[in-house]
Amino acid sequence: MPANYAVLTGDFVKSRSIAGGQYDSVLYQLEQLLVSKAEPLGCSYNFYRGDAFQILLTQPAAAVELAIYIRLTLLSLGRDCKISIGLGEVTNLRGDVKSASGPAFTLSGIGLDKLPAGQRLAINSQQPLLQQVLAVPLQMADSMLGKLTARQAEALLLYFLTPGSSHENIAVKLGTSRENVTKLLNNNHADYQLLQAFIQYCNSHITRSLE
């Protein structure tokens, strides 16, 4: 059964500890990211309950990539979230994400509820083989993200969101030196090439599942 859509269901970690002013900033930065990706990735989204969100992607191959960007955005602000990706059909597609339904939504929601303690990224698919192929690499990437400092996450986010940008340009945006940016991107816990390869790996496998 083809994975026609991706649904990302997310929940902020320790949201009650976020002060009012910072909470507004966190929401603003996250929404800015989603707005910038709405057209190229075909995504629509909804925030609910104050500390949770749900995103529908018409381009499921980009699901893991977007999940990584969301985590990096929050980590760069000293925060984090849990994200469960559901890959499958949407049987009741509506303009408002919260009123849509189908296996992709069910898999995403149940996956979030069943996330093991300490794990903050998971994927569930209508195709068991695809889910199996992505499960272990996803856990490894999750572990890598969990060890990032806010500065490393910010450098990685700028690198991924500005393709082709030099380390020098990223340094200007971070207000630091090119050498420091290179160190941030090549740190054992912030290996940008490994994370990039992981995103491409997931993209490739999900794309092939649609053929």
N, C-alpha and C. Protein backbone atom coordinates (compact mmCIF):
# COMPACT_ATOMS: atom_id res chain seq x y z
N MET A 1 0.85 -1.19 0.00
CA MET A 1 0.00 0.00 0.00
C MET A 1 0.89 1.24 0.00
N PRO A 2 0.77 2.13 -0.96
CA PRO A 2 1.67 3.26 -1.08
C PRO A 2 1.53 4.27 0.05
N ALA A 3 2.66 4.84 0.47
CA ALA A 3 2.65 5.89 1.49
C ALA A 3 2.44 7.22 0.78
N ASN A 4 1.17 7.59 0.62
CA ASN A 4 0.84 8.76 -0.17
C ASN A 4 1.07 10.08 0.56
N TYR A 5 1.04 10.03 1.88
CA TYR A 5 1.18 11.24 2.68
C TYR A 5 2.07 10.97 3.88
N ALA A 6 2.53 12.06 4.47
CA ALA A 6 3.23 11.95 5.76
C ALA A 6 2.54 12.90 6.74
N VAL A 7 2.39 12.43 7.95
CA VAL A 7 1.85 13.26 9.03
C VAL A 7 2.86 13.28 10.17
N LEU A 8 3.22 14.47 10.61
CA LEU A 8 4.13 14.64 11.73
C LEU A 8 3.34 15.17 12.91
N THR A 9 3.31 14.40 13.98
CA THR A 9 2.66 14.83 15.21
C THR A 9 3.74 15.11 16.24
N GLY A 10 3.74 16.31 16.79
CA GLY A 10 4.80 16.70 17.71
C GLY A 10 4.29 17.24 19.02
N ASP A 11 5.14 17.14 20.02
CA ASP A 11 4.80 17.59 21.36
C ASP A 11 6.05 18.20 22.00
N PHE A 12 5.97 19.44 22.47
CA PHE A 12 7.12 20.07 23.09
C PHE A 12 7.52 19.32 24.36
N VAL A 13 8.82 19.24 24.62
CA VAL A 13 9.34 18.60 25.82
C VAL A 13 9.39 19.63 26.95
N LYS A 14 8.83 19.27 28.10
CA LYS A 14 8.83 20.13 29.28
C LYS A 14 8.30 21.53 28.95
N SER A 15 7.17 21.57 28.29
CA SER A 15 6.61 22.85 27.85
C SER A 15 6.23 23.76 29.01
N ARG A 16 5.90 23.18 30.16
CA ARG A 16 5.48 24.01 31.29
C ARG A 16 6.63 24.83 31.87
N SER A 17 7.85 24.41 31.55
CA SER A 17 9.01 25.14 32.07
C SER A 17 9.42 26.31 31.18
N ILE A 18 8.73 26.47 30.05
CA ILE A 18 9.05 27.56 29.13
C ILE A 18 8.35 28.83 29.57
N ALA A 19 9.11 29.87 29.86
CA ALA A 19 8.53 31.15 30.28
C ALA A 19 7.71 31.74 29.14
N GLY A 20 6.74 32.58 29.50
CA GLY A 20 5.82 33.14 28.52
C GLY A 20 6.49 33.80 27.32
N GLY A 21 7.46 34.69 27.58
CA GLY A 21 8.15 35.38 26.50
C GLY A 21 8.92 34.44 25.61
N GLN A 22 9.60 33.47 26.22
CA GLN A 22 10.37 32.53 25.43
C GLN A 22 9.44 31.60 24.65
N TYR A 23 8.31 31.26 25.25
CA TYR A 23 7.36 30.39 24.57
C TYR A 23 6.87 31.04 23.28
N ASP A 24 6.59 32.34 23.33
CA ASP A 24 6.16 33.06 22.13
C ASP A 24 7.25 33.02 21.07
N SER A 25 8.51 33.16 21.50
CA SER A 25 9.63 33.12 20.57
C SER A 25 9.79 31.75 19.94
N VAL A 26 9.62 30.70 20.74
CA VAL A 26 9.72 29.32 20.24
C VAL A 26 8.65 29.07 19.18
N LEU A 27 7.41 29.46 19.48
CA LEU A 27 6.32 29.27 18.52
C LEU A 27 6.56 30.07 17.24
N TYR A 28 7.06 31.29 17.40
CA TYR A 28 7.30 32.15 16.24
C TYR A 28 8.35 31.52 15.33
N GLN A 29 9.47 31.07 15.90
CA GLN A 29 10.55 30.49 15.10
C GLN A 29 10.08 29.22 14.41
N LEU A 30 9.30 28.40 15.11
CA LEU A 30 8.81 27.16 14.51
C LEU A 30 7.84 27.47 13.37
N GLU A 31 6.97 28.44 13.58
CA GLU A 31 6.01 28.78 12.53
C GLU A 31 6.71 29.40 11.32
N GLN A 32 7.75 30.18 11.55
CA GLN A 32 8.52 30.74 10.44
C GLN A 32 9.12 29.64 9.59
N LEU A 33 9.61 28.59 10.23
CA LEU A 33 10.16 27.45 9.50
C LEU A 33 9.07 26.79 8.66
N LEU A 34 7.91 26.55 9.26
CA LEU A 34 6.83 25.87 8.56
C LEU A 34 6.28 26.70 7.41
N VAL A 35 6.21 28.01 7.61
CA VAL A 35 5.75 28.91 6.55
C VAL A 35 6.70 28.83 5.36
N SER A 36 8.00 28.81 5.64
CA SER A 36 9.00 28.77 4.57
C SER A 36 8.96 27.45 3.81
N LYS A 37 8.47 26.39 4.45
CA LYS A 37 8.44 25.06 3.83
C LYS A 37 7.07 24.69 3.29
N ALA A 38 6.08 25.53 3.53
CA ALA A 38 4.71 25.21 3.14
C ALA A 38 4.56 24.93 1.66
N GLU A 39 5.11 25.82 0.83
CA GLU A 39 4.97 25.65 -0.62
C GLU A 39 5.91 24.58 -1.18
N PRO A 40 7.23 24.65 -0.90
CA PRO A 40 8.13 23.65 -1.51
C PRO A 40 7.85 22.22 -1.07
N LEU A 41 7.37 22.02 0.15
CA LEU A 41 7.13 20.66 0.64
C LEU A 41 5.64 20.29 0.65
N GLY A 42 4.80 21.23 0.29
CA GLY A 42 3.36 20.96 0.27
C GLY A 42 2.84 20.61 1.64
N CYS A 43 3.17 21.44 2.64
CA CYS A 43 2.73 21.12 4.00
C CYS A 43 1.70 22.11 4.52
N SER A 44 0.80 21.58 5.32
CA SER A 44 -0.15 22.40 6.06
C SER A 44 -0.05 21.94 7.52
N TYR A 45 -0.38 22.83 8.46
CA TYR A 45 -0.12 22.50 9.85
C TYR A 45 -1.14 23.14 10.78
N ASN A 46 -1.11 22.66 12.01
CA ASN A 46 -2.02 23.18 13.02
C ASN A 46 -1.36 23.04 14.39
N PHE A 47 -1.41 24.11 15.19
CA PHE A 47 -0.97 24.04 16.57
C PHE A 47 -2.19 23.82 17.45
N TYR A 48 -2.04 22.99 18.47
CA TYR A 48 -3.18 22.74 19.35
C TYR A 48 -2.70 22.49 20.78
N ARG A 49 -3.56 22.68 21.71
CA ARG A 49 -3.31 22.44 23.13
C ARG A 49 -2.16 23.29 23.67
N GLY A 50 -1.71 24.25 22.87
CA GLY A 50 -0.66 25.15 23.32
C GLY A 50 0.75 24.63 23.21
N ASP A 51 0.94 23.31 23.23
CA ASP A 51 2.30 22.77 23.22
C ASP A 51 2.46 21.60 22.25
N ALA A 52 1.57 21.51 21.28
CA ALA A 52 1.62 20.39 20.33
C ALA A 52 1.29 20.89 18.93
N PHE A 53 1.67 20.10 17.93
CA PHE A 53 1.42 20.48 16.55
C PHE A 53 1.23 19.24 15.69
N GLN A 54 0.58 19.44 14.57
CA GLN A 54 0.41 18.35 13.60
C GLN A 54 0.59 18.93 12.20
N ILE A 55 1.38 18.22 11.39
CA ILE A 55 1.73 18.70 10.06
C ILE A 55 1.39 17.63 9.03
N LEU A 56 0.75 18.02 7.95
CA LEU A 56 0.45 17.12 6.85
C LEU A 56 1.34 17.47 5.67
N LEU A 57 2.04 16.47 5.14
CA LEU A 57 2.92 16.67 3.99
C LEU A 57 2.38 15.92 2.78
N THR A 58 2.22 16.61 1.66
CA THR A 58 1.83 15.94 0.43
C THR A 58 3.05 15.33 -0.27
N GLN A 59 4.24 15.68 0.22
CA GLN A 59 5.48 15.09 -0.28
C GLN A 59 6.11 14.28 0.85
N PRO A 60 5.68 13.04 1.04
CA PRO A 60 6.13 12.25 2.19
C PRO A 60 7.62 12.01 2.26
N ALA A 61 8.31 12.04 1.10
CA ALA A 61 9.75 11.80 1.11
C ALA A 61 10.50 12.85 1.92
N ALA A 62 9.87 14.01 2.13
CA ALA A 62 10.53 15.09 2.86
C ALA A 62 10.22 15.06 4.36
N ALA A 63 9.52 14.03 4.82
CA ALA A 63 9.06 13.99 6.21
C ALA A 63 10.21 14.00 7.22
N VAL A 64 11.19 13.15 6.99
CA VAL A 64 12.31 13.07 7.94
C VAL A 64 13.12 14.35 7.91
N GLU A 65 13.33 14.88 6.72
CA GLU A 65 14.07 16.14 6.57
C GLU A 65 13.40 17.25 7.38
N LEU A 66 12.08 17.38 7.26
CA LEU A 66 11.36 18.42 7.99
C LEU A 66 11.42 18.17 9.49
N ALA A 67 11.31 16.92 9.90
CA ALA A 67 11.39 16.60 11.33
C ALA A 67 12.74 17.01 11.90
N ILE A 68 13.80 16.79 11.14
CA ILE A 68 15.14 17.19 11.57
C ILE A 68 15.22 18.71 11.71
N TYR A 69 14.67 19.43 10.73
CA TYR A 69 14.70 20.89 10.77
C TYR A 69 13.94 21.42 11.99
N ILE A 70 12.81 20.79 12.30
CA ILE A 70 12.02 21.22 13.45
C ILE A 70 12.81 21.01 14.74
N ARG A 71 13.42 19.82 14.86
CA ARG A 71 14.22 19.54 16.06
C ARG A 71 15.38 20.54 16.18
N LEU A 72 16.07 20.81 15.08
CA LEU A 72 17.20 21.74 15.11
C LEU A 72 16.75 23.15 15.49
N THR A 73 15.58 23.56 14.99
CA THR A 73 15.05 24.88 15.33
C THR A 73 14.84 25.01 16.82
N LEU A 74 14.20 24.01 17.41
CA LEU A 74 13.92 24.06 18.84
C LEU A 74 15.20 23.89 19.67
N LEU A 75 16.07 22.99 19.24
CA LEU A 75 17.33 22.78 19.97
C LEU A 75 18.19 24.04 19.96
N SER A 76 18.14 24.80 18.86
CA SER A 76 18.92 26.04 18.79
C SER A 76 18.40 27.08 19.79
N LEU A 77 17.18 26.88 20.27
CA LEU A 77 16.58 27.79 21.26
C LEU A 77 16.65 27.20 22.66
N GLY A 78 17.37 26.08 22.78
CA GLY A 78 17.49 25.45 24.09
C GLY A 78 16.30 24.61 24.46
N ARG A 79 15.48 24.25 23.47
CA ARG A 79 14.28 23.45 23.70
C ARG A 79 14.30 22.23 22.79
N ASP A 80 13.29 21.37 22.95
CA ASP A 80 13.22 20.19 22.10
C ASP A 80 11.77 19.73 22.02
N CYS A 81 11.52 18.75 21.18
CA CYS A 81 10.18 18.19 21.06
C CYS A 81 10.28 16.72 20.66
N LYS A 82 9.19 16.01 20.84
CA LYS A 82 9.06 14.65 20.35
C LYS A 82 8.28 14.71 19.04
N ILE A 83 8.69 13.94 18.05
CA ILE A 83 8.00 13.92 16.76
C ILE A 83 7.78 12.48 16.32
N SER A 84 6.56 12.18 15.94
CA SER A 84 6.23 10.88 15.38
C SER A 84 5.75 11.08 13.95
N ILE A 85 6.40 10.37 13.03
CA ILE A 85 6.05 10.47 11.61
C ILE A 85 5.17 9.28 11.22
N GLY A 86 4.04 9.56 10.61
CA GLY A 86 3.17 8.51 10.09
C GLY A 86 3.16 8.57 8.57
N LEU A 87 3.45 7.45 7.92
CA LEU A 87 3.45 7.38 6.45
C LEU A 87 2.33 6.47 6.00
N GLY A 88 1.44 6.99 5.18
CA GLY A 88 0.32 6.18 4.72
C GLY A 88 -0.72 7.00 4.00
N GLU A 89 -1.89 6.44 3.90
CA GLU A 89 -2.98 7.10 3.18
C GLU A 89 -3.71 8.09 4.08
N VAL A 90 -4.30 9.08 3.46
CA VAL A 90 -5.21 10.01 4.13
C VAL A 90 -6.55 9.85 3.43
N THR A 91 -7.53 9.36 4.16
CA THR A 91 -8.82 9.03 3.54
C THR A 91 -9.81 10.18 3.58
N ASN A 92 -9.53 11.17 4.42
CA ASN A 92 -10.46 12.28 4.55
C ASN A 92 -9.66 13.58 4.56
N LEU A 93 -9.17 13.95 3.38
CA LEU A 93 -8.30 15.12 3.26
C LEU A 93 -9.13 16.39 3.27
N ARG A 94 -8.81 17.28 4.21
CA ARG A 94 -9.54 18.54 4.34
C ARG A 94 -8.54 19.69 4.42
N GLY A 95 -9.05 20.91 4.22
CA GLY A 95 -8.19 22.07 4.30
C GLY A 95 -7.62 22.27 5.69
N ASP A 96 -8.40 21.93 6.71
CA ASP A 96 -7.97 22.06 8.09
C ASP A 96 -7.36 20.73 8.54
N VAL A 97 -6.08 20.75 8.90
CA VAL A 97 -5.37 19.52 9.25
C VAL A 97 -6.07 18.77 10.37
N LYS A 98 -6.54 19.48 11.38
CA LYS A 98 -7.09 18.81 12.56
C LYS A 98 -8.39 18.06 12.28
N SER A 99 -9.02 18.32 11.14
CA SER A 99 -10.26 17.61 10.82
C SER A 99 -10.05 16.51 9.77
N ALA A 100 -8.81 16.32 9.31
CA ALA A 100 -8.50 15.25 8.36
C ALA A 100 -8.31 13.94 9.12
N SER A 101 -8.33 12.83 8.38
CA SER A 101 -8.18 11.53 9.03
C SER A 101 -7.62 10.51 8.06
N GLY A 102 -7.32 9.34 8.57
CA GLY A 102 -6.77 8.27 7.76
C GLY A 102 -5.60 7.59 8.45
N PRO A 103 -5.09 6.51 7.87
CA PRO A 103 -4.00 5.74 8.47
C PRO A 103 -2.76 6.56 8.82
N ALA A 104 -2.40 7.52 7.97
CA ALA A 104 -1.20 8.32 8.26
C ALA A 104 -1.36 9.09 9.57
N PHE A 105 -2.56 9.63 9.81
CA PHE A 105 -2.83 10.34 11.06
C PHE A 105 -2.83 9.38 12.25
N THR A 106 -3.46 8.23 12.06
CA THR A 106 -3.52 7.25 13.15
C THR A 106 -2.14 6.75 13.54
N LEU A 107 -1.33 6.41 12.52
CA LEU A 107 0.03 5.92 12.78
C LEU A 107 0.88 6.97 13.49
N SER A 108 0.73 8.22 13.08
CA SER A 108 1.50 9.30 13.67
C SER A 108 1.11 9.52 15.13
N GLY A 109 -0.19 9.58 15.39
CA GLY A 109 -0.67 9.82 16.75
C GLY A 109 -0.33 8.69 17.70
N ILE A 110 -0.57 7.46 17.28
CA ILE A 110 -0.26 6.31 18.12
C ILE A 110 1.25 6.21 18.35
N GLY A 111 2.02 6.50 17.30
CA GLY A 111 3.47 6.46 17.43
C GLY A 111 3.99 7.42 18.47
N LEU A 112 3.37 8.61 18.55
CA LEU A 112 3.80 9.59 19.55
C LEU A 112 3.49 9.08 20.95
N ASP A 113 2.32 8.51 21.12
CA ASP A 113 1.91 7.99 22.43
C ASP A 113 2.81 6.84 22.89
N LYS A 114 3.35 6.08 21.94
CA LYS A 114 4.14 4.89 22.27
C LYS A 114 5.65 5.12 22.24
N LEU A 115 6.07 6.37 22.07
CA LEU A 115 7.52 6.64 22.05
C LEU A 115 8.15 6.19 23.38
N PRO A 116 9.18 5.37 23.31
CA PRO A 116 9.87 4.95 24.55
C PRO A 116 10.49 6.14 25.26
N ALA A 117 10.68 6.00 26.56
CA ALA A 117 11.30 7.06 27.34
C ALA A 117 12.69 7.38 26.78
N GLY A 118 12.96 8.65 26.60
CA GLY A 118 14.26 9.07 26.09
C GLY A 118 14.34 9.16 24.58
N GLN A 119 13.38 8.58 23.87
CA GLN A 119 13.37 8.65 22.41
C GLN A 119 12.46 9.79 21.97
N ARG A 120 12.91 10.57 20.99
CA ARG A 120 12.14 11.74 20.59
C ARG A 120 11.84 11.80 19.10
N LEU A 121 12.15 10.73 18.40
CA LEU A 121 11.88 10.69 16.97
C LEU A 121 11.53 9.27 16.57
N ALA A 122 10.42 9.10 15.87
CA ALA A 122 9.99 7.76 15.46
C ALA A 122 9.26 7.84 14.13
N ILE A 123 9.21 6.71 13.44
CA ILE A 123 8.50 6.64 12.16
C ILE A 123 7.66 5.37 12.12
N ASN A 124 6.45 5.50 11.63
CA ASN A 124 5.54 4.37 11.50
C ASN A 124 4.90 4.43 10.12
N SER A 125 4.91 3.29 9.43
CA SER A 125 4.44 3.27 8.05
C SER A 125 3.45 2.14 7.83
N GLN A 126 2.59 2.33 6.83
CA GLN A 126 1.71 1.25 6.40
C GLN A 126 2.50 0.14 5.73
N GLN A 127 3.73 0.44 5.36
CA GLN A 127 4.60 -0.56 4.77
C GLN A 127 5.60 -1.04 5.83
N PRO A 128 5.39 -2.20 6.41
CA PRO A 128 6.26 -2.69 7.49
C PRO A 128 7.73 -2.74 7.11
N LEU A 129 8.04 -3.10 5.87
CA LEU A 129 9.44 -3.20 5.46
C LEU A 129 10.11 -1.83 5.47
N LEU A 130 9.40 -0.81 4.98
CA LEU A 130 9.94 0.54 4.99
C LEU A 130 10.19 1.00 6.42
N GLN A 131 9.27 0.74 7.29
CA GLN A 131 9.42 1.11 8.70
C GLN A 131 10.64 0.42 9.31
N GLN A 132 10.82 -0.84 8.98
CA GLN A 132 11.95 -1.60 9.50
C GLN A 132 13.29 -1.05 8.99
N VAL A 133 13.33 -0.70 7.71
CA VAL A 133 14.57 -0.19 7.11
C VAL A 133 14.99 1.15 7.71
N LEU A 134 14.02 1.96 8.08
CA LEU A 134 14.32 3.30 8.59
C LEU A 134 14.48 3.37 10.10
N ALA A 135 14.00 2.36 10.82
CA ALA A 135 13.93 2.43 12.28
C ALA A 135 15.28 2.66 12.95
N VAL A 136 16.26 1.83 12.66
CA VAL A 136 17.56 1.93 13.35
C VAL A 136 18.31 3.22 12.98
N PRO A 137 18.42 3.57 11.67
CA PRO A 137 19.07 4.85 11.34
C PRO A 137 18.39 6.04 12.01
N LEU A 138 17.06 5.96 12.15
CA LEU A 138 16.32 7.05 12.78
C LEU A 138 16.69 7.16 14.26
N GLN A 139 16.84 6.03 14.92
CA GLN A 139 17.22 6.05 16.33
C GLN A 139 18.63 6.61 16.51
N MET A 140 19.52 6.29 15.57
CA MET A 140 20.89 6.81 15.63
C MET A 140 20.90 8.33 15.44
N ALA A 141 20.11 8.82 14.49
CA ALA A 141 20.03 10.27 14.26
C ALA A 141 19.40 10.95 15.48
N ASP A 142 18.41 10.31 16.07
CA ASP A 142 17.76 10.84 17.26
C ASP A 142 18.78 11.01 18.39
N SER A 143 19.63 10.01 18.55
CA SER A 143 20.67 10.06 19.58
C SER A 143 21.65 11.20 19.30
N MET A 144 22.02 11.38 18.04
CA MET A 144 22.93 12.45 17.67
C MET A 144 22.33 13.82 18.00
N LEU A 145 21.07 14.01 17.64
CA LEU A 145 20.41 15.29 17.87
C LEU A 145 20.33 15.59 19.37
N GLY A 146 20.08 14.57 20.16
CA GLY A 146 19.93 14.76 21.60
C GLY A 146 21.19 15.21 22.28
N LYS A 147 22.34 15.08 21.63
CA LYS A 147 23.63 15.46 22.22
C LYS A 147 24.12 16.83 21.75
N LEU A 148 23.36 17.48 20.89
CA LEU A 148 23.79 18.77 20.35
C LEU A 148 23.65 19.89 21.36
N THR A 149 24.57 20.84 21.30
CA THR A 149 24.40 22.08 22.05
C THR A 149 23.52 23.00 21.20
N ALA A 150 23.01 24.05 21.81
CA ALA A 150 22.18 25.01 21.08
C ALA A 150 22.97 25.64 19.94
N ARG A 151 24.24 25.91 20.17
CA ARG A 151 25.09 26.54 19.16
C ARG A 151 25.32 25.60 17.97
N GLN A 152 25.56 24.33 18.26
CA GLN A 152 25.75 23.36 17.19
C GLN A 152 24.47 23.21 16.36
N ALA A 153 23.32 23.16 17.05
CA ALA A 153 22.04 23.03 16.36
C ALA A 153 21.79 24.23 15.46
N GLU A 154 22.13 25.42 15.94
CA GLU A 154 21.94 26.64 15.14
C GLU A 154 22.82 26.63 13.90
N ALA A 155 24.07 26.18 14.04
CA ALA A 155 24.98 26.11 12.90
C ALA A 155 24.49 25.10 11.87
N LEU A 156 24.03 23.94 12.34
CA LEU A 156 23.51 22.91 11.44
C LEU A 156 22.26 23.40 10.71
N LEU A 157 21.39 24.08 11.44
CA LEU A 157 20.15 24.58 10.83
C LEU A 157 20.46 25.58 9.72
N LEU A 158 21.37 26.48 9.97
CA LEU A 158 21.76 27.46 8.94
C LEU A 158 22.38 26.76 7.74
N TYR A 159 23.17 25.74 8.00
CA TYR A 159 23.81 25.00 6.90
C TYR A 159 22.76 24.34 6.01
N PHE A 160 21.76 23.71 6.63
CA PHE A 160 20.75 22.99 5.86
C PHE A 160 19.74 23.92 5.18
N LEU A 161 19.44 25.03 5.81
CA LEU A 161 18.42 25.93 5.26
C LEU A 161 18.96 26.92 4.23
N THR A 162 20.30 27.00 4.13
CA THR A 162 20.91 27.89 3.13
C THR A 162 21.88 27.07 2.28
N PRO A 163 21.34 26.22 1.40
CA PRO A 163 22.19 25.35 0.57
C PRO A 163 23.22 26.16 -0.21
N GLY A 164 24.44 25.66 -0.21
CA GLY A 164 25.50 26.33 -0.96
C GLY A 164 26.17 27.45 -0.21
N SER A 165 25.65 27.78 0.97
CA SER A 165 26.25 28.86 1.74
C SER A 165 27.58 28.40 2.32
N SER A 166 28.58 29.26 2.24
CA SER A 166 29.91 28.91 2.74
C SER A 166 29.94 29.00 4.27
N HIS A 167 30.97 28.38 4.84
CA HIS A 167 31.15 28.46 6.29
C HIS A 167 31.35 29.92 6.71
N GLU A 168 31.94 30.70 5.82
CA GLU A 168 32.16 32.11 6.13
C GLU A 168 30.84 32.86 6.22
N ASN A 169 29.91 32.57 5.31
CA ASN A 169 28.60 33.23 5.36
C ASN A 169 27.82 32.83 6.61
N ILE A 170 27.91 31.55 6.97
CA ILE A 170 27.25 31.08 8.18
C ILE A 170 27.86 31.76 9.40
N ALA A 171 29.18 31.94 9.37
CA ALA A 171 29.88 32.60 10.48
C ALA A 171 29.37 34.02 10.68
N VAL A 172 29.12 34.73 9.58
CA VAL A 172 28.60 36.10 9.67
C VAL A 172 27.24 36.10 10.37
N LYS A 173 26.38 35.15 10.01
CA LYS A 173 25.05 35.08 10.61
C LYS A 173 25.11 34.70 12.09
N LEU A 174 26.11 33.89 12.44
CA LEU A 174 26.25 33.47 13.83
C LEU A 174 27.07 34.45 14.66
N GLY A 175 27.72 35.39 13.97
CA GLY A 175 28.56 36.34 14.68
C GLY A 175 29.80 35.70 15.26
N THR A 176 30.40 34.79 14.49
CA THR A 176 31.59 34.10 14.95
C THR A 176 32.57 33.95 13.78
N SER A 177 33.64 33.19 13.98
CA SER A 177 34.63 33.02 12.94
C SER A 177 34.32 31.81 12.06
N ARG A 178 34.88 31.80 10.85
CA ARG A 178 34.70 30.67 9.94
C ARG A 178 35.27 29.40 10.57
N GLU A 179 36.40 29.53 11.25
CA GLU A 179 37.02 28.37 11.88
C GLU A 179 36.11 27.76 12.93
N ASN A 180 35.42 28.62 13.67
CA ASN A 180 34.52 28.11 14.71
C ASN A 180 33.32 27.41 14.10
N VAL A 181 32.82 27.94 12.98
CA VAL A 181 31.70 27.29 12.30
C VAL A 181 32.11 25.90 11.83
N THR A 182 33.31 25.79 11.27
CA THR A 182 33.81 24.50 10.81
C THR A 182 33.88 23.51 11.97
N LYS A 183 34.33 23.99 13.14
CA LYS A 183 34.38 23.14 14.32
C LYS A 183 32.98 22.71 14.75
N LEU A 184 32.04 23.65 14.72
CA LEU A 184 30.66 23.35 15.13
C LEU A 184 30.03 22.29 14.22
N LEU A 185 30.29 22.41 12.91
CA LEU A 185 29.67 21.50 11.95
C LEU A 185 30.34 20.13 11.90
N ASN A 186 31.57 20.06 12.37
CA ASN A 186 32.31 18.80 12.30
C ASN A 186 32.49 18.13 13.65
N ASN A 187 31.87 18.67 14.68
CA ASN A 187 31.93 18.07 16.00
C ASN A 187 31.38 16.64 15.95
N ASN A 188 31.87 15.78 16.82
CA ASN A 188 31.42 14.38 16.83
C ASN A 188 29.90 14.24 16.92
N HIS A 189 29.26 15.15 17.65
CA HIS A 189 27.81 15.08 17.81
C HIS A 189 27.07 15.92 16.78
N ALA A 190 27.81 16.66 15.95
CA ALA A 190 27.17 17.54 14.96
C ALA A 190 27.80 17.34 13.59
N ASP A 191 28.00 16.11 13.22
CA ASP A 191 28.62 15.78 11.94
C ASP A 191 27.63 16.07 10.82
N TYR A 192 27.79 17.22 10.18
CA TYR A 192 26.80 17.65 9.20
C TYR A 192 26.74 16.72 7.99
N GLN A 193 27.86 16.13 7.61
CA GLN A 193 27.87 15.22 6.46
C GLN A 193 27.11 13.94 6.77
N LEU A 194 27.27 13.44 7.99
CA LEU A 194 26.56 12.23 8.39
C LEU A 194 25.05 12.49 8.47
N LEU A 195 24.68 13.63 9.02
CA LEU A 195 23.27 13.97 9.13
C LEU A 195 22.66 14.19 7.75
N GLN A 196 23.42 14.80 6.86
CA GLN A 196 22.97 15.00 5.49
C GLN A 196 22.78 13.67 4.77
N ALA A 197 23.71 12.74 4.97
CA ALA A 197 23.61 11.41 4.36
C ALA A 197 22.40 10.67 4.90
N PHE A 198 22.11 10.85 6.19
CA PHE A 198 20.94 10.21 6.80
C PHE A 198 19.64 10.72 6.16
N ILE A 199 19.55 12.04 5.99
CA ILE A 199 18.36 12.63 5.37
C ILE A 199 18.17 12.10 3.95
N GLN A 200 19.25 12.04 3.19
CA GLN A 200 19.18 11.53 1.82
C GLN A 200 18.80 10.05 1.78
N TYR A 201 19.30 9.29 2.74
CA TYR A 201 18.98 7.87 2.86
C TYR A 201 17.47 7.68 3.06
N CYS A 202 16.91 8.42 4.00
CA CYS A 202 15.47 8.31 4.28
C CYS A 202 14.65 8.78 3.08
N ASN A 203 15.05 9.90 2.50
CA ASN A 203 14.36 10.43 1.33
C ASN A 203 14.31 9.41 0.22
N SER A 204 15.45 8.76 -0.03
CA SER A 204 15.56 7.78 -1.11
C SER A 204 14.65 6.58 -0.88
N HIS A 205 14.65 6.05 0.34
CA HIS A 205 13.84 4.86 0.64
C HIS A 205 12.34 5.17 0.60
N ILE A 206 11.96 6.34 1.10
CA ILE A 206 10.54 6.69 1.05
C ILE A 206 10.09 6.92 -0.38
N THR A 207 10.94 7.59 -1.17
CA THR A 207 10.63 7.81 -2.60
C THR A 207 10.43 6.49 -3.32
N ARG A 208 11.34 5.54 -3.09
CA ARG A 208 11.23 4.24 -3.75
C ARG A 208 9.95 3.49 -3.33
N SER A 209 9.51 3.72 -2.11
CA SER A 209 8.29 3.06 -1.64
C SER A 209 7.06 3.56 -2.39
N LEU A 210 7.18 4.71 -3.03
CA LEU A 210 6.05 5.28 -3.77
C LEU A 210 5.99 4.77 -5.21
N GLU A 211 7.05 4.14 -5.67
CA GLU A 211 7.11 3.74 -7.07
C GLU A 211 6.31 2.46 -7.33
